[in-house]
Structures are given as C-alpha cells and as structure tokens.
Amino acid sequence: MPGSVTIGHLEATATLDHSDAHRLAELLDELGHLMAVAGPNRLTDAQLGALRAGQEPGREELARFCRGVAARLHDQLHEKPHGGM
C-alpha cells in the first residue's frame, strides 16, 4: 500500500498509513525524551512503572528503545519507493 509503513516480523505484521506512522514516531520520540530529560517534565518513576506494568523502570533502556523505534520509523517514512528517484 503506497504511503504506508509495515511493522512486523514474518507473519505478525501491522500496517499503518503514512500519517499514523509519522504520529507514532513523534509520540515514541517524545516519550523517549520525557524519560531521559532531567527536570520537571521528566516522567516520574511511578509513571514509568505504570507504562511498564509494574516492572522495574529501566528508564535508560526504554528511552533508547522508544527513540530507536522512532528513528527507524522516520527512516522508513523517508525512504523512496523502489524504483523511485
């Protein structure tokens, strides 16, 4: 589907249209930022625990994960279609 992004591995995939994929990338990038930033806008340990369903916060790893996925989505969104210029 033109203008879409497919996320998945083998049979389990999800397809997002371009605007949803862009929105998801921005959300993940901002979430990663709010985990890593110091100051009053930083997510608290309680908020991070809620996001991780009560598991150990793992703030740095989760921030890297969110920002890494966001970067891959941004890269995929800006790739030219096969055969394009």
N, C-alpha and C. Protein backbone atom coordinates (compact mmCIF):
# COMPACT_ATOMS: atom_id res chain seq x y z
N MET A 1 0.86 -1.18 0.00
CA MET A 1 0.00 0.00 0.00
C MET A 1 0.90 1.23 0.00
N PRO A 2 0.81 2.09 -1.00
CA PRO A 2 1.65 3.29 -1.06
C PRO A 2 1.38 4.22 0.11
N GLY A 3 2.45 4.80 0.63
CA GLY A 3 2.29 5.74 1.74
C GLY A 3 2.06 5.07 3.07
N SER A 4 2.35 3.76 3.16
CA SER A 4 2.12 3.06 4.42
C SER A 4 3.44 2.54 4.96
N VAL A 5 3.41 2.12 6.19
CA VAL A 5 4.56 1.51 6.85
C VAL A 5 4.09 0.18 7.41
N THR A 6 4.86 -0.87 7.17
CA THR A 6 4.54 -2.17 7.72
C THR A 6 5.51 -2.48 8.84
N ILE A 7 4.98 -2.85 9.98
CA ILE A 7 5.76 -3.18 11.16
C ILE A 7 5.53 -4.65 11.45
N GLY A 8 6.57 -5.40 11.57
CA GLY A 8 6.37 -6.78 11.93
C GLY A 8 7.55 -7.65 11.56
N HIS A 9 7.43 -8.89 11.92
CA HIS A 9 8.44 -9.88 11.63
C HIS A 9 7.71 -11.15 11.21
N LEU A 10 7.96 -11.58 10.02
CA LEU A 10 7.32 -12.77 9.45
C LEU A 10 5.81 -12.59 9.36
N GLU A 11 5.03 -13.49 9.99
CA GLU A 11 3.58 -13.43 9.78
C GLU A 11 2.86 -12.34 10.57
N ALA A 12 3.41 -11.94 11.70
CA ALA A 12 2.72 -10.96 12.55
C ALA A 12 3.14 -9.55 12.13
N THR A 13 2.27 -8.86 11.42
CA THR A 13 2.58 -7.51 10.96
C THR A 13 1.43 -6.57 11.25
N ALA A 14 1.75 -5.31 11.27
CA ALA A 14 0.74 -4.25 11.39
C ALA A 14 1.07 -3.22 10.33
N THR A 15 0.07 -2.72 9.65
CA THR A 15 0.29 -1.72 8.63
C THR A 15 -0.36 -0.42 9.09
N LEU A 16 0.42 0.65 9.01
CA LEU A 16 -0.06 1.99 9.37
C LEU A 16 0.02 2.87 8.14
N ASP A 17 -0.95 3.76 8.00
CA ASP A 17 -0.80 4.70 6.91
C ASP A 17 0.27 5.73 7.28
N HIS A 18 0.70 6.48 6.32
CA HIS A 18 1.83 7.39 6.50
C HIS A 18 1.62 8.36 7.66
N SER A 19 0.45 8.95 7.76
CA SER A 19 0.21 9.93 8.82
C SER A 19 0.20 9.28 10.21
N ASP A 20 -0.35 8.06 10.32
CA ASP A 20 -0.33 7.36 11.61
C ASP A 20 1.08 6.94 11.99
N ALA A 21 1.86 6.49 11.02
CA ALA A 21 3.24 6.10 11.29
C ALA A 21 4.06 7.31 11.73
N HIS A 22 3.84 8.44 11.09
CA HIS A 22 4.53 9.67 11.46
C HIS A 22 4.14 10.08 12.88
N ARG A 23 2.86 9.99 13.19
CA ARG A 23 2.38 10.35 14.53
C ARG A 23 2.95 9.41 15.58
N LEU A 24 3.01 8.12 15.29
CA LEU A 24 3.58 7.16 16.21
C LEU A 24 5.06 7.43 16.44
N ALA A 25 5.80 7.74 15.38
CA ALA A 25 7.22 8.05 15.51
C ALA A 25 7.43 9.28 16.38
N GLU A 26 6.63 10.31 16.19
CA GLU A 26 6.75 11.52 17.00
C GLU A 26 6.42 11.23 18.46
N LEU A 27 5.39 10.42 18.69
CA LEU A 27 4.99 10.06 20.06
C LEU A 27 6.10 9.27 20.76
N LEU A 28 6.67 8.28 20.07
CA LEU A 28 7.74 7.48 20.66
C LEU A 28 8.98 8.33 20.93
N ASP A 29 9.30 9.23 20.01
CA ASP A 29 10.46 10.10 20.20
C ASP A 29 10.25 11.01 21.43
N GLU A 30 9.06 11.56 21.55
CA GLU A 30 8.76 12.43 22.70
C GLU A 30 8.75 11.63 24.01
N LEU A 31 8.20 10.43 23.97
CA LEU A 31 8.19 9.58 25.16
C LEU A 31 9.61 9.26 25.59
N GLY A 32 10.47 8.92 24.65
CA GLY A 32 11.87 8.67 24.96
C GLY A 32 12.54 9.89 25.56
N HIS A 33 12.22 11.05 25.02
CA HIS A 33 12.76 12.31 25.54
C HIS A 33 12.30 12.55 26.98
N LEU A 34 11.01 12.34 27.24
CA LEU A 34 10.47 12.58 28.58
C LEU A 34 11.01 11.59 29.62
N MET A 35 11.48 10.45 29.16
CA MET A 35 12.12 9.51 30.08
C MET A 35 13.54 9.94 30.39
N ALA A 36 14.23 10.51 29.41
CA ALA A 36 15.66 10.79 29.55
C ALA A 36 15.96 12.19 30.10
N VAL A 37 15.09 13.13 29.87
CA VAL A 37 15.35 14.52 30.24
C VAL A 37 15.37 14.69 31.76
N ALA A 38 16.20 15.59 32.22
CA ALA A 38 16.20 15.96 33.64
C ALA A 38 15.27 17.15 33.82
N GLY A 39 14.68 17.29 34.98
CA GLY A 39 13.86 18.46 35.26
C GLY A 39 12.41 18.12 35.49
N PRO A 40 11.57 19.15 35.53
CA PRO A 40 10.17 18.97 35.92
C PRO A 40 9.32 18.22 34.90
N ASN A 41 9.75 18.15 33.64
CA ASN A 41 8.96 17.45 32.62
C ASN A 41 9.29 15.97 32.52
N ARG A 42 10.29 15.53 33.27
CA ARG A 42 10.70 14.12 33.23
C ARG A 42 9.60 13.24 33.78
N LEU A 43 9.37 12.09 33.14
CA LEU A 43 8.41 11.13 33.67
C LEU A 43 8.91 10.62 35.02
N THR A 44 8.03 10.53 35.97
CA THR A 44 8.41 10.04 37.30
C THR A 44 8.60 8.52 37.25
N ASP A 45 9.23 7.99 38.29
CA ASP A 45 9.38 6.53 38.37
C ASP A 45 8.02 5.85 38.44
N ALA A 46 7.06 6.47 39.11
CA ALA A 46 5.70 5.89 39.20
C ALA A 46 5.04 5.86 37.82
N GLN A 47 5.18 6.93 37.06
CA GLN A 47 4.61 6.96 35.70
C GLN A 47 5.28 5.93 34.81
N LEU A 48 6.60 5.83 34.92
CA LEU A 48 7.33 4.86 34.14
C LEU A 48 6.94 3.44 34.54
N GLY A 49 6.77 3.19 35.85
CA GLY A 49 6.33 1.88 36.31
C GLY A 49 4.96 1.52 35.76
N ALA A 50 4.07 2.51 35.67
CA ALA A 50 2.73 2.27 35.11
C ALA A 50 2.83 1.90 33.63
N LEU A 51 3.72 2.55 32.90
CA LEU A 51 3.92 2.23 31.49
C LEU A 51 4.47 0.82 31.32
N ARG A 52 5.26 0.38 32.28
CA ARG A 52 5.90 -0.93 32.20
C ARG A 52 5.14 -1.98 33.00
N ALA A 53 3.89 -1.72 33.32
CA ALA A 53 3.02 -2.68 34.02
C ALA A 53 3.66 -3.18 35.32
N GLY A 54 4.26 -2.25 36.07
CA GLY A 54 4.80 -2.59 37.37
C GLY A 54 6.20 -3.18 37.36
N GLN A 55 6.78 -3.40 36.18
CA GLN A 55 8.14 -3.92 36.11
C GLN A 55 9.13 -2.84 36.53
N GLU A 56 10.34 -3.26 36.81
CA GLU A 56 11.42 -2.32 37.13
C GLU A 56 11.48 -1.25 36.04
N PRO A 57 11.61 0.03 36.43
CA PRO A 57 11.56 1.09 35.44
C PRO A 57 12.47 0.93 34.22
N GLY A 58 13.76 0.64 34.36
CA GLY A 58 14.62 0.50 33.18
C GLY A 58 14.57 1.73 32.30
N ARG A 59 14.63 2.90 32.90
CA ARG A 59 14.45 4.18 32.23
C ARG A 59 15.34 4.35 31.00
N GLU A 60 16.64 4.11 31.16
CA GLU A 60 17.57 4.37 30.06
C GLU A 60 17.33 3.42 28.89
N GLU A 61 17.11 2.14 29.21
CA GLU A 61 16.88 1.15 28.16
C GLU A 61 15.58 1.46 27.41
N LEU A 62 14.53 1.79 28.13
CA LEU A 62 13.25 2.08 27.49
C LEU A 62 13.31 3.37 26.68
N ALA A 63 14.02 4.37 27.18
CA ALA A 63 14.18 5.61 26.42
C ALA A 63 14.92 5.34 25.11
N ARG A 64 16.00 4.53 25.16
CA ARG A 64 16.74 4.17 23.94
C ARG A 64 15.85 3.39 22.99
N PHE A 65 15.07 2.45 23.54
CA PHE A 65 14.17 1.66 22.71
C PHE A 65 13.17 2.55 21.97
N CYS A 66 12.50 3.43 22.72
CA CYS A 66 11.50 4.32 22.11
C CYS A 66 12.11 5.19 21.02
N ARG A 67 13.24 5.79 21.32
CA ARG A 67 13.88 6.67 20.35
C ARG A 67 14.43 5.89 19.16
N GLY A 68 14.89 4.67 19.40
CA GLY A 68 15.38 3.83 18.30
C GLY A 68 14.26 3.44 17.34
N VAL A 69 13.12 3.02 17.90
CA VAL A 69 11.97 2.67 17.06
C VAL A 69 11.49 3.91 16.30
N ALA A 70 11.45 5.05 16.97
CA ALA A 70 11.04 6.30 16.31
C ALA A 70 11.98 6.61 15.15
N ALA A 71 13.27 6.44 15.35
CA ALA A 71 14.24 6.72 14.28
C ALA A 71 14.04 5.77 13.10
N ARG A 72 13.79 4.49 13.39
CA ARG A 72 13.56 3.53 12.30
C ARG A 72 12.28 3.87 11.54
N LEU A 73 11.25 4.27 12.26
CA LEU A 73 10.02 4.68 11.58
C LEU A 73 10.25 5.90 10.70
N HIS A 74 10.95 6.90 11.27
CA HIS A 74 11.25 8.10 10.46
C HIS A 74 12.05 7.73 9.22
N ASP A 75 13.04 6.83 9.38
CA ASP A 75 13.83 6.41 8.22
C ASP A 75 12.96 5.74 7.18
N GLN A 76 12.09 4.85 7.62
CA GLN A 76 11.22 4.14 6.68
C GLN A 76 10.24 5.11 6.00
N LEU A 77 9.77 6.09 6.74
CA LEU A 77 8.84 7.07 6.16
C LEU A 77 9.50 7.92 5.09
N HIS A 78 10.81 8.11 5.22
CA HIS A 78 11.52 8.97 4.27
C HIS A 78 12.23 8.20 3.17
N GLU A 79 12.11 6.86 3.17
CA GLU A 79 12.70 6.08 2.10
C GLU A 79 11.90 6.31 0.83
N LYS A 80 12.61 6.28 -0.27
CA LYS A 80 11.93 6.41 -1.56
C LYS A 80 11.41 5.04 -1.96
N PRO A 81 10.26 5.02 -2.63
CA PRO A 81 9.73 3.73 -3.08
C PRO A 81 10.71 3.07 -4.05
N HIS A 82 10.66 1.75 -4.12
CA HIS A 82 11.51 1.02 -5.05
C HIS A 82 11.30 1.55 -6.45
N GLY A 83 12.38 1.84 -7.14
CA GLY A 83 12.29 2.36 -8.50
C GLY A 83 12.10 3.85 -8.56
N GLY A 84 11.96 4.54 -7.39
CA GLY A 84 11.76 5.97 -7.38
C GLY A 84 13.09 6.71 -7.45
N MET A 85 13.02 7.99 -7.55
CA MET A 85 14.24 8.80 -7.64
C MET A 85 14.63 9.26 -6.28
